[in-house]
Amino acid sequence: MLRVLMFLVPLALSVYAFIDCISTKDEDIRHMPKPLWAILVLLFPLVGSISWLIAGKKRQPAGAGGSAWGGGRGGQWVAPDDNPDFLKSLDEDKDTDRKRDPDEDPRHD
């Protein structure tokens, strides 16, 4: 089992690093051009992958950045029941349903 893990862990790490490298925007890459990082990860899987993860990409600290789910809390993810924008949209949906004619309600078909 240990022999399998010694093969699978570096393989999974290099696959992850390669996919992360090629899917990263060019302006978020540091120190070298993207093709050079990809070649480094492919030719030297363990060293290249670790190098990419440590130094290759601009990373934002947890809680920073612009998330679409922020709900006005500094870009942090917020559960839907705590998100004021989501709760407002539910109230708007409720008002729209009340204005609709009950005979045309598709739930009664």
PDB file of N, CA and C in Angstrom:
ATOM      1  N   MET A   1       0.820  -1.201   0.000  1.00  0.00           N
ATOM      2  CA  MET A   1       0.000   0.000   0.000  1.00  0.00           C
ATOM      3  C   MET A   1       0.859   1.259   0.000  1.00  0.00           C
ATOM      4  N   LEU A   2       1.945   1.225   0.762  1.00  0.00           N
ATOM      5  CA  LEU A   2       2.832   2.377   0.832  1.00  0.00           C
ATOM      6  C   LEU A   2       3.493   2.654  -0.516  1.00  0.00           C
ATOM      7  N   ARG A   3       3.813   1.587  -1.258  1.00  0.00           N
ATOM      8  CA  ARG A   3       4.403   1.759  -2.584  1.00  0.00           C
ATOM      9  C   ARG A   3       3.435   2.449  -3.529  1.00  0.00           C
ATOM     10  N   VAL A   4       2.178   2.109  -3.426  1.00  0.00           N
ATOM     11  CA  VAL A   4       1.159   2.716  -4.280  1.00  0.00           C
ATOM     12  C   VAL A   4       1.009   4.194  -3.938  1.00  0.00           C
ATOM     13  N   LEU A   5       0.989   4.513  -2.654  1.00  0.00           N
ATOM     14  CA  LEU A   5       0.878   5.912  -2.240  1.00  0.00           C
ATOM     15  C   LEU A   5       2.095   6.727  -2.668  1.00  0.00           C
ATOM     16  N   MET A   6       3.269   6.111  -2.629  1.00  0.00           N
ATOM     17  CA  MET A   6       4.472   6.818  -3.050  1.00  0.00           C
ATOM     18  C   MET A   6       4.448   7.144  -4.540  1.00  0.00           C
ATOM     19  N   PHE A   7       3.638   6.441  -5.294  1.00  0.00           N
ATOM     20  CA  PHE A   7       3.484   6.724  -6.718  1.00  0.00           C
ATOM     21  C   PHE A   7       2.289   7.644  -6.979  1.00  0.00           C
ATOM     22  N   LEU A   8       1.176   7.398  -6.292  1.00  0.00           N
ATOM     23  CA  LEU A   8      -0.055   8.140  -6.573  1.00  0.00           C
ATOM     24  C   LEU A   8      -0.039   9.576  -6.053  1.00  0.00           C
ATOM     25  N   VAL A   9       0.545   9.814  -4.907  1.00  0.00           N
ATOM     26  CA  VAL A   9       0.545  11.166  -4.339  1.00  0.00           C
ATOM     27  C   VAL A   9       1.321  12.146  -5.225  1.00  0.00           C
ATOM     28  N   PRO A  10       2.550  11.814  -5.641  1.00  0.00           N
ATOM     29  CA  PRO A  10       3.240  12.744  -6.554  1.00  0.00           C
ATOM     30  C   PRO A  10       2.534  12.883  -7.911  1.00  0.00           C
ATOM     31  N   LEU A  11       1.938  11.806  -8.392  1.00  0.00           N
ATOM     32  CA  LEU A  11       1.207  11.872  -9.656  1.00  0.00           C
ATOM     33  C   LEU A  11       0.004  12.797  -9.533  1.00  0.00           C
ATOM     34  N   ALA A  12      -0.761  12.642  -8.460  1.00  0.00           N
ATOM     35  CA  ALA A  12      -1.928  13.514  -8.250  1.00  0.00           C
ATOM     36  C   ALA A  12      -1.496  14.962  -8.058  1.00  0.00           C
ATOM     37  N   LEU A  13      -0.404  15.181  -7.354  1.00  0.00           N
ATOM     38  CA  LEU A  13       0.109  16.530  -7.152  1.00  0.00           C
ATOM     39  C   LEU A  13       0.523  17.166  -8.473  1.00  0.00           C
ATOM     40  N   SER A  14       1.203  16.410  -9.316  1.00  0.00           N
ATOM     41  CA  SER A  14       1.651  16.978 -10.587  1.00  0.00           C
ATOM     42  C   SER A  14       0.475  17.219 -11.529  1.00  0.00           C
ATOM     43  N   VAL A  15      -0.515  16.344 -11.526  1.00  0.00           N
ATOM     44  CA  VAL A  15      -1.708  16.565 -12.360  1.00  0.00           C
ATOM     45  C   VAL A  15      -2.448  17.808 -11.886  1.00  0.00           C
ATOM     46  N   TYR A  16      -2.624  17.953 -10.579  1.00  0.00           N
ATOM     47  CA  TYR A  16      -3.281  19.139 -10.039  1.00  0.00           C
ATOM     48  C   TYR A  16      -2.509  20.407 -10.394  1.00  0.00           C
ATOM     49  N   ALA A  17      -1.194  20.384 -10.194  1.00  0.00           N
ATOM     50  CA  ALA A  17      -0.377  21.573 -10.467  1.00  0.00           C
ATOM     51  C   ALA A  17      -0.408  21.928 -11.951  1.00  0.00           C
ATOM     52  N   PHE A  18      -0.358  20.925 -12.821  1.00  0.00           N
ATOM     53  CA  PHE A  18      -0.380  21.200 -14.258  1.00  0.00           C
ATOM     54  C   PHE A  18      -1.714  21.814 -14.679  1.00  0.00           C
ATOM     55  N   ILE A  19      -2.814  21.248 -14.204  1.00  0.00           N
ATOM     56  CA  ILE A  19      -4.135  21.795 -14.549  1.00  0.00           C
ATOM     57  C   ILE A  19      -4.302  23.194 -13.969  1.00  0.00           C
ATOM     58  N   ASP A  20      -3.843  23.393 -12.739  1.00  0.00           N
ATOM     59  CA  ASP A  20      -3.907  24.718 -12.130  1.00  0.00           C
ATOM     60  C   ASP A  20      -3.069  25.714 -12.921  1.00  0.00           C
ATOM     61  N   CYS A  21      -1.921  25.281 -13.378  1.00  0.00           N
ATOM     62  CA  CYS A  21      -1.029  26.154 -14.137  1.00  0.00           C
ATOM     63  C   CYS A  21      -1.657  26.570 -15.469  1.00  0.00           C
ATOM     64  N   ILE A  22      -2.183  25.618 -16.214  1.00  0.00           N
ATOM     65  CA  ILE A  22      -2.722  25.973 -17.533  1.00  0.00           C
ATOM     66  C   ILE A  22      -4.049  26.704 -17.445  1.00  0.00           C
ATOM     67  N   SER A  23      -4.749  26.585 -16.320  1.00  0.00           N
ATOM     68  CA  SER A  23      -6.032  27.275 -16.192  1.00  0.00           C
ATOM     69  C   SER A  23      -5.919  28.641 -15.511  1.00  0.00           C
ATOM     70  N   THR A  24      -4.729  29.000 -15.056  1.00  0.00           N
ATOM     71  CA  THR A  24      -4.512  30.279 -14.401  1.00  0.00           C
ATOM     72  C   THR A  24      -4.357  31.380 -15.435  1.00  0.00           C
ATOM     73  N   LYS A  25      -4.942  32.533 -15.161  1.00  0.00           N
ATOM     74  CA  LYS A  25      -4.800  33.677 -16.060  1.00  0.00           C
ATOM     75  C   LYS A  25      -3.344  34.129 -16.084  1.00  0.00           C
ATOM     76  N   ASP A  26      -2.922  34.652 -17.234  1.00  0.00           N
ATOM     77  CA  ASP A  26      -1.528  35.071 -17.394  1.00  0.00           C
ATOM     78  C   ASP A  26      -1.119  36.153 -16.398  1.00  0.00           C
ATOM     79  N   GLU A  27      -2.042  37.050 -16.055  1.00  0.00           N
ATOM     80  CA  GLU A  27      -1.677  38.137 -15.136  1.00  0.00           C
ATOM     81  C   GLU A  27      -1.536  37.664 -13.689  1.00  0.00           C
ATOM     82  N   ASP A  28      -1.982  36.435 -13.373  1.00  0.00           N
ATOM     83  CA  ASP A  28      -1.856  35.906 -12.016  1.00  0.00           C
ATOM     84  C   ASP A  28      -0.611  35.042 -11.821  1.00  0.00           C
ATOM     85  N   ILE A  29       0.195  34.888 -12.866  1.00  0.00           N
ATOM     86  CA  ILE A  29       1.379  34.040 -12.790  1.00  0.00           C
ATOM     87  C   ILE A  29       2.589  34.907 -12.438  1.00  0.00           C
ATOM     88  N   ARG A  30       3.423  34.381 -11.528  1.00  0.00           N
ATOM     89  CA  ARG A  30       4.598  35.128 -11.072  1.00  0.00           C
ATOM     90  C   ARG A  30       5.886  34.466 -11.562  1.00  0.00           C
ATOM     91  N   HIS A  31       6.934  35.254 -11.662  1.00  0.00           N
ATOM     92  CA  HIS A  31       8.327  34.859 -11.872  1.00  0.00           C
ATOM     93  C   HIS A  31       8.669  34.343 -13.267  1.00  0.00           C
ATOM     94  N   MET A  32       7.843  33.529 -13.910  1.00  0.00           N
ATOM     95  CA  MET A  32       8.160  32.978 -15.231  1.00  0.00           C
ATOM     96  C   MET A  32       6.890  32.959 -16.084  1.00  0.00           C
ATOM     97  N   PRO A  33       7.028  32.862 -17.396  1.00  0.00           N
ATOM     98  CA  PRO A  33       5.845  32.737 -18.258  1.00  0.00           C
ATOM     99  C   PRO A  33       5.131  31.394 -18.046  1.00  0.00           C
ATOM    100  N   LYS A  34       3.850  31.381 -18.368  1.00  0.00           N
ATOM    101  CA  LYS A  34       3.038  30.185 -18.164  1.00  0.00           C
ATOM    102  C   LYS A  34       3.601  28.942 -18.878  1.00  0.00           C
ATOM    103  N   PRO A  35       4.011  29.023 -20.155  1.00  0.00           N
ATOM    104  CA  PRO A  35       4.536  27.808 -20.804  1.00  0.00           C
ATOM    105  C   PRO A  35       5.767  27.235 -20.094  1.00  0.00           C
ATOM    106  N   LEU A  36       6.595  28.106 -19.557  1.00  0.00           N
ATOM    107  CA  LEU A  36       7.779  27.635 -18.838  1.00  0.00           C
ATOM    108  C   LEU A  36       7.390  26.917 -17.538  1.00  0.00           C
ATOM    109  N   TRP A  37       6.389  27.435 -16.846  1.00  0.00           N
ATOM    110  CA  TRP A  37       5.892  26.755 -15.640  1.00  0.00           C
ATOM    111  C   TRP A  37       5.318  25.383 -15.995  1.00  0.00           C
ATOM    112  N   ALA A  38       4.546  25.321 -17.083  1.00  0.00           N
ATOM    113  CA  ALA A  38       3.939  24.044 -17.483  1.00  0.00           C
ATOM    114  C   ALA A  38       5.013  23.014 -17.824  1.00  0.00           C
ATOM    115  N   ILE A  39       6.051  23.451 -18.534  1.00  0.00           N
ATOM    116  CA  ILE A  39       7.148  22.530 -18.872  1.00  0.00           C
ATOM    117  C   ILE A  39       7.879  22.080 -17.614  1.00  0.00           C
ATOM    118  N   LEU A  40       8.097  22.996 -16.690  1.00  0.00           N
ATOM    119  CA  LEU A  40       8.761  22.654 -15.428  1.00  0.00           C
ATOM    120  C   LEU A  40       7.959  21.609 -14.649  1.00  0.00           C
ATOM    121  N   VAL A  41       6.650  21.774 -14.610  1.00  0.00           N
ATOM    122  CA  VAL A  41       5.800  20.821 -13.888  1.00  0.00           C
ATOM    123  C   VAL A  41       5.807  19.458 -14.584  1.00  0.00           C
ATOM    124  N   LEU A  42       5.848  19.457 -15.910  1.00  0.00           N
ATOM    125  CA  LEU A  42       5.849  18.185 -16.639  1.00  0.00           C
ATOM    126  C   LEU A  42       7.199  17.473 -16.572  1.00  0.00           C
ATOM    127  N   LEU A  43       8.294  18.211 -16.687  1.00  0.00           N
ATOM    128  CA  LEU A  43       9.611  17.573 -16.708  1.00  0.00           C
ATOM    129  C   LEU A  43      10.087  17.146 -15.320  1.00  0.00           C
ATOM    130  N   PHE A  44       9.770  17.936 -14.313  1.00  0.00           N
ATOM    131  CA  PHE A  44      10.172  17.634 -12.936  1.00  0.00           C
ATOM    132  C   PHE A  44       8.915  17.611 -12.068  1.00  0.00           C
ATOM    133  N   PRO A  45       8.177  16.507 -12.105  1.00  0.00           N
ATOM    134  CA  PRO A  45       6.844  16.493 -11.483  1.00  0.00           C
ATOM    135  C   PRO A  45       6.813  16.911 -10.016  1.00  0.00           C
ATOM    136  N   LEU A  46       7.672  16.373  -9.206  1.00  0.00           N
ATOM    137  CA  LEU A  46       7.596  16.690  -7.774  1.00  0.00           C
ATOM    138  C   LEU A  46       8.121  18.095  -7.477  1.00  0.00           C
ATOM    139  N   VAL A  47       9.314  18.396  -7.937  1.00  0.00           N
ATOM    140  CA  VAL A  47       9.912  19.704  -7.676  1.00  0.00           C
ATOM    141  C   VAL A  47       9.134  20.801  -8.403  1.00  0.00           C
ATOM    142  N   GLY A  48       8.758  20.544  -9.650  1.00  0.00           N
ATOM    143  CA  GLY A  48       8.021  21.542 -10.416  1.00  0.00           C
ATOM    144  C   GLY A  48       6.660  21.842  -9.827  1.00  0.00           C
ATOM    145  N   SER A  49       5.980  20.803  -9.363  1.00  0.00           N
ATOM    146  CA  SER A  49       4.650  20.993  -8.776  1.00  0.00           C
ATOM    147  C   SER A  49       4.723  21.784  -7.479  1.00  0.00           C
ATOM    148  N   ILE A  50       5.664  21.424  -6.638  1.00  0.00           N
ATOM    149  CA  ILE A  50       5.803  22.141  -5.371  1.00  0.00           C
ATOM    150  C   ILE A  50       6.218  23.588  -5.628  1.00  0.00           C
ATOM    151  N   SER A  51       7.115  23.788  -6.594  1.00  0.00           N
ATOM    152  CA  SER A  51       7.521  25.152  -6.943  1.00  0.00           C
ATOM    153  C   SER A  51       6.342  25.965  -7.446  1.00  0.00           C
ATOM    154  N   TRP A  52       5.516  25.349  -8.286  1.00  0.00           N
ATOM    155  CA  TRP A  52       4.339  26.056  -8.809  1.00  0.00           C
ATOM    156  C   TRP A  52       3.405  26.451  -7.666  1.00  0.00           C
ATOM    157  N   LEU A  53       3.160  25.519  -6.761  1.00  0.00           N
ATOM    158  CA  LEU A  53       2.224  25.792  -5.672  1.00  0.00           C
ATOM    159  C   LEU A  53       2.755  26.866  -4.721  1.00  0.00           C
ATOM    160  N   ILE A  54       4.057  26.923  -4.539  1.00  0.00           N
ATOM    161  CA  ILE A  54       4.622  27.899  -3.610  1.00  0.00           C
ATOM    162  C   ILE A  54       4.853  29.254  -4.267  1.00  0.00           C
ATOM    163  N   ALA A  55       5.444  29.261  -5.448  1.00  0.00           N
ATOM    164  CA  ALA A  55       5.911  30.530  -6.015  1.00  0.00           C
ATOM    165  C   ALA A  55       5.292  30.912  -7.352  1.00  0.00           C
ATOM    166  N   GLY A  56       4.551  30.035  -7.980  1.00  0.00           N
ATOM    167  CA  GLY A  56       4.138  30.297  -9.349  1.00  0.00           C
ATOM    168  C   GLY A  56       2.901  31.137  -9.536  1.00  0.00           C
ATOM    169  N   LYS A  57       2.038  31.182  -8.560  1.00  0.00           N
ATOM    170  CA  LYS A  57       0.743  31.821  -8.733  1.00  0.00           C
ATOM    171  C   LYS A  57       0.496  32.825  -7.619  1.00  0.00           C
ATOM    172  N   LYS A  58      -0.078  33.968  -7.998  1.00  0.00           N
ATOM    173  CA  LYS A  58      -0.511  34.931  -6.982  1.00  0.00           C
ATOM    174  C   LYS A  58      -1.718  34.336  -6.267  1.00  0.00           C
ATOM    175  N   ARG A  59      -1.601  34.180  -4.992  1.00  0.00           N
ATOM    176  CA  ARG A  59      -2.701  33.597  -4.209  1.00  0.00           C
ATOM    177  C   ARG A  59      -3.224  34.635  -3.240  1.00  0.00           C
ATOM    178  N   GLN A  60      -4.551  34.613  -3.052  1.00  0.00           N
ATOM    179  CA  GLN A  60      -5.177  35.532  -2.107  1.00  0.00           C
ATOM    180  C   GLN A  60      -5.381  34.810  -0.784  1.00  0.00           C
ATOM    181  N   PRO A  61      -5.223  35.514   0.313  1.00  0.00           N
ATOM    182  CA  PRO A  61      -5.483  34.883   1.608  1.00  0.00           C
ATOM    183  C   PRO A  61      -6.961  34.512   1.736  1.00  0.00           C
ATOM    184  N   ALA A  62      -7.254  33.562   2.582  1.00  0.00           N
ATOM    185  CA  ALA A  62      -8.633  33.126   2.789  1.00  0.00           C
ATOM    186  C   ALA A  62      -9.482  34.300   3.248  1.00  0.00           C
ATOM    187  N   GLY A  63     -10.650  34.437   2.638  1.00  0.00           N
ATOM    188  CA  GLY A  63     -11.552  35.523   2.998  1.00  0.00           C
ATOM    189  C   GLY A  63     -11.333  36.780   2.192  1.00  0.00           C
ATOM    190  N   ALA A  64     -10.267  36.855   1.428  1.00  0.00           N
ATOM    191  CA  ALA A  64     -10.018  38.039   0.603  1.00  0.00           C
ATOM    192  C   ALA A  64     -10.492  37.753  -0.815  1.00  0.00           C
ATOM    193  N   GLY A  65     -10.691  38.821  -1.557  1.00  0.00           N
ATOM    194  CA  GLY A  65     -11.080  38.645  -2.953  1.00  0.00           C
ATOM    195  C   GLY A  65     -12.535  38.943  -3.154  1.00  0.00           C
ATOM    196  N   GLY A  66     -12.940  38.891  -4.400  1.00  0.00           N
ATOM    197  CA  GLY A  66     -14.307  39.244  -4.743  1.00  0.00           C
ATOM    198  C   GLY A  66     -15.140  38.035  -5.097  1.00  0.00           C
ATOM    199  N   SER A  67     -15.837  37.524  -4.148  1.00  0.00           N
ATOM    200  CA  SER A  67     -16.721  36.403  -4.407  1.00  0.00           C
ATOM    201  C   SER A  67     -18.111  36.908  -4.756  1.00  0.00           C
ATOM    202  N   ALA A  68     -18.757  36.214  -5.654  1.00  0.00           N
ATOM    203  CA  ALA A  68     -20.110  36.605  -6.041  1.00  0.00           C
ATOM    204  C   ALA A  68     -21.114  36.326  -4.927  1.00  0.00           C
ATOM    205  N   TRP A  69     -20.720  35.531  -3.946  1.00  0.00           N
ATOM    206  CA  TRP A  69     -21.629  35.158  -2.860  1.00  0.00           C
ATOM    207  C   TRP A  69     -21.410  36.008  -1.623  1.00  0.00           C
ATOM    208  N   GLY A  70     -20.713  37.111  -1.772  1.00  0.00           N
ATOM    209  CA  GLY A  70     -20.316  37.899  -0.616  1.00  0.00           C
ATOM    210  C   GLY A  70     -21.459  38.463   0.189  1.00  0.00           C
ATOM    211  N   GLY A  71     -22.478  38.996  -0.463  1.00  0.00           N
ATOM    212  CA  GLY A  71     -23.592  39.561   0.280  1.00  0.00           C
ATOM    213  C   GLY A  71     -23.196  40.751   1.114  1.00  0.00           C
ATOM    214  N   GLY A  72     -22.178  41.494   0.710  1.00  0.00           N
ATOM    215  CA  GLY A  72     -21.801  42.689   1.434  1.00  0.00           C
ATOM    216  C   GLY A  72     -20.900  42.448   2.615  1.00  0.00           C
ATOM    217  N   ARG A  73     -20.242  41.333   2.676  1.00  0.00           N
ATOM    218  CA  ARG A  73     -19.375  41.039   3.817  1.00  0.00           C
ATOM    219  C   ARG A  73     -17.919  40.887   3.382  1.00  0.00           C
ATOM    220  N   GLY A  74     -17.422  41.785   2.571  1.00  0.00           N
ATOM    221  CA  GLY A  74     -16.016  41.785   2.209  1.00  0.00           C
ATOM    222  C   GLY A  74     -15.606  40.651   1.297  1.00  0.00           C
ATOM    223  N   GLY A  75     -16.498  40.090   0.507  1.00  0.00           N
ATOM    224  CA  GLY A  75     -16.131  39.055  -0.429  1.00  0.00           C
ATOM    225  C   GLY A  75     -16.108  37.662   0.164  1.00  0.00           C
ATOM    226  N   GLN A  76     -16.472  37.515   1.412  1.00  0.00           N
ATOM    227  CA  GLN A  76     -16.485  36.212   2.043  1.00  0.00           C
ATOM    228  C   GLN A  76     -17.760  35.479   1.679  1.00  0.00           C
ATOM    229  N   TRP A  77     -17.687  34.150   1.565  1.00  0.00           N
ATOM    230  CA  TRP A  77     -18.869  33.365   1.251  1.00  0.00           C
ATOM    231  C   TRP A  77     -19.831  33.425   2.429  1.00  0.00           C
ATOM    232  N   VAL A  78     -21.105  33.599   2.106  1.00  0.00           N
ATOM    233  CA  VAL A  78     -22.132  33.699   3.137  1.00  0.00           C
ATOM    234  C   VAL A  78     -23.234  32.707   2.794  1.00  0.00           C
ATOM    235  N   ALA A  79     -23.727  32.010   3.795  1.00  0.00           N
ATOM    236  CA  ALA A  79     -24.827  31.083   3.573  1.00  0.00           C
ATOM    237  C   ALA A  79     -26.042  31.854   3.060  1.00  0.00           C
ATOM    238  N   PRO A  80     -26.866  31.226   2.199  1.00  0.00           N
ATOM    239  CA  PRO A  80     -27.998  31.947   1.617  1.00  0.00           C
ATOM    240  C   PRO A  80     -28.944  32.560   2.650  1.00  0.00           C
ATOM    241  N   ASP A  81     -29.154  31.902   3.780  1.00  0.00           N
ATOM    242  CA  ASP A  81     -30.082  32.454   4.762  1.00  0.00           C
ATOM    243  C   ASP A  81     -29.480  33.628   5.542  1.00  0.00           C
ATOM    244  N   ASP A  82     -28.177  33.886   5.381  1.00  0.00           N
ATOM    245  CA  ASP A  82     -27.544  35.050   5.994  1.00  0.00           C
ATOM    246  C   ASP A  82     -27.249  36.149   4.978  1.00  0.00           C
ATOM    247  N   ASN A  83     -27.517  35.892   3.716  1.00  0.00           N
ATOM    248  CA  ASN A  83     -27.204  36.839   2.656  1.00  0.00           C
ATOM    249  C   ASN A  83     -28.388  37.777   2.437  1.00  0.00           C
ATOM    250  N   PRO A  84     -28.250  39.064   2.753  1.00  0.00           N
ATOM    251  CA  PRO A  84     -29.384  39.979   2.634  1.00  0.00           C
ATOM    252  C   PRO A  84     -29.904  40.122   1.205  1.00  0.00           C
ATOM    253  N   ASP A  85     -29.015  40.044   0.213  1.00  0.00           N
ATOM    254  CA  ASP A  85     -29.470  40.145  -1.179  1.00  0.00           C
ATOM    255  C   ASP A  85     -30.358  38.960  -1.551  1.00  0.00           C
ATOM    256  N   PHE A  86     -29.965  37.770  -1.109  1.00  0.00           N
ATOM    257  CA  PHE A  86     -30.765  36.584  -1.397  1.00  0.00           C
ATOM    258  C   PHE A  86     -32.124  36.666  -0.697  1.00  0.00           C
ATOM    259  N   LEU A  87     -32.139  37.118   0.545  1.00  0.00           N
ATOM    260  CA  LEU A  87     -33.410  37.227   1.277  1.00  0.00           C
ATOM    261  C   LEU A  87     -34.334  38.253   0.626  1.00  0.00           C
ATOM    262  N   LYS A  88     -33.763  39.360   0.119  1.00  0.00           N
ATOM    263  CA  LYS A  88     -34.579  40.348  -0.586  1.00  0.00           C
ATOM    264  C   LYS A  88     -35.183  39.753  -1.848  1.00  0.00           C
ATOM    265  N   SER A  89     -34.405  38.935  -2.550  1.00  0.00           N
ATOM    266  CA  SER A  89     -34.927  38.328  -3.773  1.00  0.00           C
ATOM    267  C   SER A  89     -36.067  37.360  -3.459  1.00  0.00           C
ATOM    268  N   LEU A  90     -36.016  36.707  -2.303  1.00  0.00           N
ATOM    269  CA  LEU A  90     -37.125  35.831  -1.919  1.00  0.00           C
ATOM    270  C   LEU A  90     -38.388  36.637  -1.654  1.00  0.00           C
ATOM    271  N   ASP A  91     -38.228  37.785  -0.983  1.00  0.00           N
ATOM    272  CA  ASP A  91     -39.387  38.647  -0.729  1.00  0.00           C
ATOM    273  C   ASP A  91     -39.984  39.144  -2.044  1.00  0.00           C
ATOM    274  N   GLU A  92     -39.131  39.498  -3.001  1.00  0.00           N
ATOM    275  CA  GLU A  92     -39.621  39.950  -4.300  1.00  0.00           C
ATOM    276  C   GLU A  92     -40.364  38.839  -5.025  1.00  0.00           C
ATOM    277  N   ASP A  93     -39.841  37.608  -4.930  1.00  0.00           N
ATOM    278  CA  ASP A  93     -40.525  36.472  -5.552  1.00  0.00           C
ATOM    279  C   ASP A  93     -41.882  36.229  -4.908  1.00  0.00           C
ATOM    280  N   LYS A  94     -41.958  36.394  -3.593  1.00  0.00           N
ATOM    281  CA  LYS A  94     -43.218  36.201  -2.884  1.00  0.00           C
ATOM    282  C   LYS A  94     -44.255  37.232  -3.334  1.00  0.00           C
ATOM    283  N   ASP A  95     -43.809  38.495  -3.448  1.00  0.00           N
ATOM    284  CA  ASP A  95     -44.711  39.555  -3.896  1.00  0.00           C
ATOM    285  C   ASP A  95     -45.199  39.290  -5.313  1.00  0.00           C
ATOM    286  N   THR A  96     -44.332  38.799  -6.168  1.00  0.00           N
ATOM    287  CA  THR A  96     -44.714  38.499  -7.548  1.00  0.00           C
ATOM    288  C   THR A  96     -45.729  37.365  -7.583  1.00  0.00           C
ATOM    289  N   ASP A  97     -45.531  36.356  -6.734  1.00  0.00           N
ATOM    290  CA  ASP A  97     -46.477  35.236  -6.691  1.00  0.00           C
ATOM    291  C   ASP A  97     -47.842  35.684  -6.179  1.00  0.00           C
ATOM    292  N   ARG A  98     -47.884  36.614  -5.246  1.00  0.00           N
ATOM    293  CA  ARG A  98     -49.171  37.092  -4.713  1.00  0.00           C
ATOM    294  C   ARG A  98     -49.945  37.866  -5.774  1.00  0.00           C
ATOM    295  N   LYS A  99     -49.218  38.595  -6.618  1.00  0.00           N
ATOM    296  CA  LYS A  99     -49.874  39.391  -7.654  1.00  0.00           C
ATOM    297  C   LYS A  99     -50.398  38.524  -8.789  1.00  0.00           C
ATOM    298  N   ARG A 100     -49.858  37.337  -8.951  1.00  0.00           N
ATOM    299  CA  ARG A 100     -50.265  36.444 -10.031  1.00  0.00           C
ATOM    300  C   ARG A 100     -51.669  35.904  -9.755  1.00  0.00           C
ATOM    301  N   ASP A 101     -52.410  35.686 -10.796  1.00  0.00           N
ATOM    302  CA  ASP A 101     -53.762  35.147 -10.684  1.00  0.00           C
ATOM    303  C   ASP A 101     -53.686  33.695 -10.201  1.00  0.00           C
ATOM    304  N   PRO A 102     -54.436  33.313  -9.157  1.00  0.00           N
ATOM    305  CA  PRO A 102     -54.355  31.949  -8.638  1.00  0.00           C
ATOM    306  C   PRO A 102     -54.818  30.898  -9.651  1.00  0.00           C
ATOM    307  N   ASP A 103     -55.663  31.286 -10.615  1.00  0.00           N
ATOM    308  CA  ASP A 103     -56.109  30.322 -11.620  1.00  0.00           C
ATOM    309  C   ASP A 103     -54.980  29.960 -12.587  1.00  0.00           C
ATOM    310  N   GLU A 104     -53.994  30.832 -12.714  1.00  0.00           N
ATOM    311  CA  GLU A 104     -52.886  30.588 -13.630  1.00  0.00           C
ATOM    312  C   GLU A 104     -51.668  29.994 -12.934  1.00  0.00           C
ATOM    313  N   ASP A 105     -51.813  29.594 -11.694  1.00  0.00           N
ATOM    314  CA  ASP A 105     -50.688  29.050 -10.939  1.00  0.00           C
ATOM    315  C   ASP A 105     -50.286  27.695 -11.521  1.00  0.00           C
ATOM    316  N   PRO A 106     -49.055  27.522 -11.998  1.00  0.00           N
ATOM    317  CA  PRO A 106     -48.665  26.263 -12.616  1.00  0.00           C
ATOM    318  C   PRO A 106     -48.559  25.116 -11.619  1.00  0.00           C
ATOM    319  N   ARG A 107     -48.544  25.402 -10.326  1.00  0.00           N
ATOM    320  CA  ARG A 107     -48.458  24.325  -9.344  1.00  0.00           C
ATOM    321  C   ARG A 107     -49.769  23.549  -9.225  1.00  0.00           C
ATOM    322  N   HIS A 108     -50.858  24.129  -9.726  1.00  0.00           N
ATOM    323  CA  HIS A 108     -52.147  23.450  -9.600  1.00  0.00           C
ATOM    324  C   HIS A 108     -52.518  22.686 -10.855  1.00  0.00           C
ATOM    325  N   ASP A 109     -51.636  22.562 -11.821  1.00  0.00           N
ATOM    326  CA  ASP A 109     -51.959  21.837 -13.062  1.00  0.00           C
ATOM    327  C   ASP A 109     -51.873  20.357 -12.881  1.00  0.00           C
TER     328      ASP A 109
END
